Protein backbone atom coordinates (compact mmCIF):
# COMPACT_ATOMS: atom_id res chain seq x y z
CA MET A 1 55.60 11.25 -14.80
CA SER A 2 52.03 12.54 -13.60
CA ASP A 3 51.61 14.72 -10.46
CA PRO A 4 50.10 13.20 -7.92
CA ARG A 5 47.91 15.66 -6.85
CA ALA A 6 46.56 16.22 -10.31
CA LEU A 7 46.01 12.43 -10.56
CA ALA A 8 44.45 12.32 -7.42
CA GLU A 9 41.85 14.74 -8.21
CA ARG A 10 40.84 13.35 -11.57
CA PHE A 11 40.95 9.86 -9.94
CA ASN A 12 38.82 11.29 -7.28
CA ARG A 13 35.95 12.38 -10.00
CA GLN A 14 36.01 8.99 -11.60
CA ILE A 15 35.62 7.41 -8.17
CA ARG A 16 32.42 9.67 -7.47
CA ASP A 17 31.03 8.57 -11.10
CA ILE A 18 31.65 5.21 -10.55
CA VAL A 19 30.06 4.80 -7.16
CA LEU A 20 27.08 6.91 -8.51
CA MET A 21 26.49 4.62 -11.84
CA LEU A 22 26.87 1.70 -9.60
CA ARG A 23 24.08 3.33 -7.39
CA ARG A 24 21.49 3.92 -10.25
CA ALA A 25 22.62 0.33 -11.81
CA ASN A 26 21.30 -0.84 -8.24
CA ALA A 27 18.32 1.16 -7.91
CA GLY A 28 15.89 -1.64 -8.62
CA GLN A 29 17.18 -4.02 -6.82
CA ALA A 30 16.39 -5.46 -3.02
CA ILE A 31 19.03 -4.18 -1.46
CA THR A 32 21.25 -0.90 -1.35
CA THR A 33 24.71 -0.23 -2.73
CA GLN A 34 25.57 0.21 0.98
CA GLN A 35 23.65 -2.62 2.36
CA MET A 36 25.61 -4.77 -0.20
CA PHE A 37 28.86 -3.56 0.97
CA VAL A 38 28.05 -4.12 4.60
CA MET A 39 26.95 -7.67 3.91
CA GLY A 40 30.05 -8.57 1.86
CA SER A 41 32.08 -7.71 4.55
CA LEU A 42 30.10 -10.45 6.63
CA GLU A 43 30.87 -13.17 3.61
CA GLY A 44 33.69 -14.48 5.87
CA GLY A 45 31.66 -14.94 8.99
CA SER A 46 30.58 -13.03 11.98
CA ARG A 47 32.04 -9.77 12.68
CA ARG A 48 32.10 -7.19 15.23
CA MET A 49 29.95 -4.14 14.86
CA SER A 50 33.05 -2.16 16.17
CA ASP A 51 34.97 -3.88 13.40
CA LEU A 52 32.22 -3.18 10.60
CA ALA A 53 32.12 0.53 11.73
CA ALA A 54 35.65 0.91 11.11
CA GLU A 55 35.76 -0.70 8.08
CA HIS A 56 33.09 1.38 6.39
CA GLY A 57 34.24 4.68 7.71
CA VAL A 58 31.29 5.37 9.91
CA ARG A 59 30.32 5.88 13.71
CA LEU A 60 28.98 2.67 15.63
CA PRO A 61 25.53 4.18 15.82
CA THR A 62 25.30 4.40 11.97
CA MET A 63 26.56 0.75 11.48
CA THR A 64 24.11 -0.52 14.40
CA ARG A 65 21.17 1.17 12.56
CA GLN A 66 22.78 -0.52 8.99
CA ILE A 67 22.76 -3.93 10.84
CA GLY A 68 18.98 -3.58 12.55
CA ARG A 69 17.77 -3.16 8.96
CA LEU A 70 19.42 -5.81 7.85
CA ALA A 71 18.52 -8.06 10.60
CA ARG A 72 14.87 -6.66 10.14
CA ASP A 73 15.02 -8.00 6.74
CA GLY A 74 16.26 -11.35 7.67
CA LEU A 75 19.72 -11.02 6.08
CA VAL A 76 21.87 -10.69 9.07
CA ILE A 77 21.51 -12.09 12.49
CA ARG A 78 23.40 -10.30 15.66
CA GLY A 79 24.59 -12.16 18.26
CA ARG A 80 27.33 -11.71 21.18
CA GLU A 81 30.99 -12.79 21.46
CA ALA A 82 31.42 -15.79 23.81
CA GLU A 83 34.04 -14.19 25.08
CA ASP A 84 32.67 -11.01 25.85
CA ALA A 85 28.96 -10.74 25.92
CA ARG A 86 29.13 -7.10 25.40
CA VAL A 87 30.45 -7.15 22.47
CA VAL A 88 27.76 -7.25 19.25
CA THR A 89 28.56 -9.46 16.42
CA ALA A 90 26.57 -9.55 13.35
CA GLU A 91 26.43 -12.80 10.60
CA LEU A 92 25.12 -13.12 7.13
CA THR A 93 21.75 -15.62 7.07
CA PRO A 94 21.64 -18.29 4.74
CA VAL A 95 18.85 -15.55 2.53
CA GLY A 96 21.34 -12.75 3.17
CA ARG A 97 23.95 -14.83 1.96
CA GLN A 98 21.67 -15.67 -1.68
CA ARG A 99 20.39 -12.17 -1.66
CA LEU A 100 24.10 -10.56 -1.64
CA GLN A 101 25.01 -13.41 -4.45
CA HIS A 102 22.35 -12.46 -6.52
CA ALA A 103 23.05 -8.55 -6.01
CA ARG A 104 26.53 -9.20 -6.80
CA GLU A 105 25.54 -11.40 -10.23
CA GLN A 106 23.13 -8.38 -11.35
CA ARG A 107 26.13 -5.83 -10.62
CA ILE A 108 28.53 -8.17 -12.58
CA THR A 109 26.24 -8.48 -15.56
CA PHE A 110 25.78 -4.62 -15.33
CA LEU A 111 29.38 -3.88 -15.50
CA ALA A 112 29.91 -6.40 -18.23
CA GLY A 113 27.55 -4.95 -20.56
CA ARG A 114 29.16 -1.20 -19.90
CA MET A 115 32.60 -3.14 -21.02
CA THR A 116 30.96 -4.36 -24.13
CA LEU A 117 31.09 -0.78 -25.16
CA LEU A 118 35.11 -0.49 -24.69
CA ASN A 119 37.16 -1.73 -27.50
CA ASP A 120 39.94 -4.45 -26.99
CA ALA A 121 42.64 -2.07 -26.10
CA GLU A 122 40.54 -0.09 -23.71
CA ARG A 123 39.58 -3.10 -21.86
CA ALA A 124 43.17 -4.18 -21.60
CA SER A 125 43.61 -0.86 -20.23
CA ILE A 126 41.63 -1.23 -17.18
CA GLU A 127 42.70 -4.92 -16.90
CA ALA A 128 46.13 -3.61 -16.56
CA ALA A 129 45.31 -1.00 -13.89
CA LEU A 130 43.99 -4.01 -11.69
CA PRO A 131 47.36 -4.84 -10.22
CA ALA A 132 48.05 -1.07 -9.09
CA LEU A 133 44.62 -0.30 -8.03
CA GLU A 134 44.98 -3.38 -6.06
CA LYS A 135 48.16 -2.22 -4.32
CA LEU A 136 46.70 1.69 -3.87
CA PHE A 137 43.43 0.23 -1.85
CA ALA A 138 45.70 -2.57 -0.05
CA GLY A 139 45.17 -2.17 3.92
CA SER A 140 42.87 1.08 3.55
């Protein structure tokens, strides 16, 4: 059985490589990887800025700037909660939803191309690991 610490160290390096690869793949797109992640968090509807900041592991001023850039570009709209007008919310616009879908499709196409470099057994190994990864990341 693998040593959890050694596995974590190797896994950490792989996560870094994955993030950098996806950032490079995203380089020519209209939205950045980080913007794509934030916009993905808004797919289910309006969200509190404080909840977005917590989900993305950033401070509220950082998320406020990120949402400000997305709002400036017409991809999200800011609002207020009806119950508490002090609470700022963000929501995808139709253009934002379309841009997110396009960026996601480009990323999936890129990843599918990378997957073709693997043989059937290697792709099966990745597929077999997905339930464990889902469990690992659940609730994070």
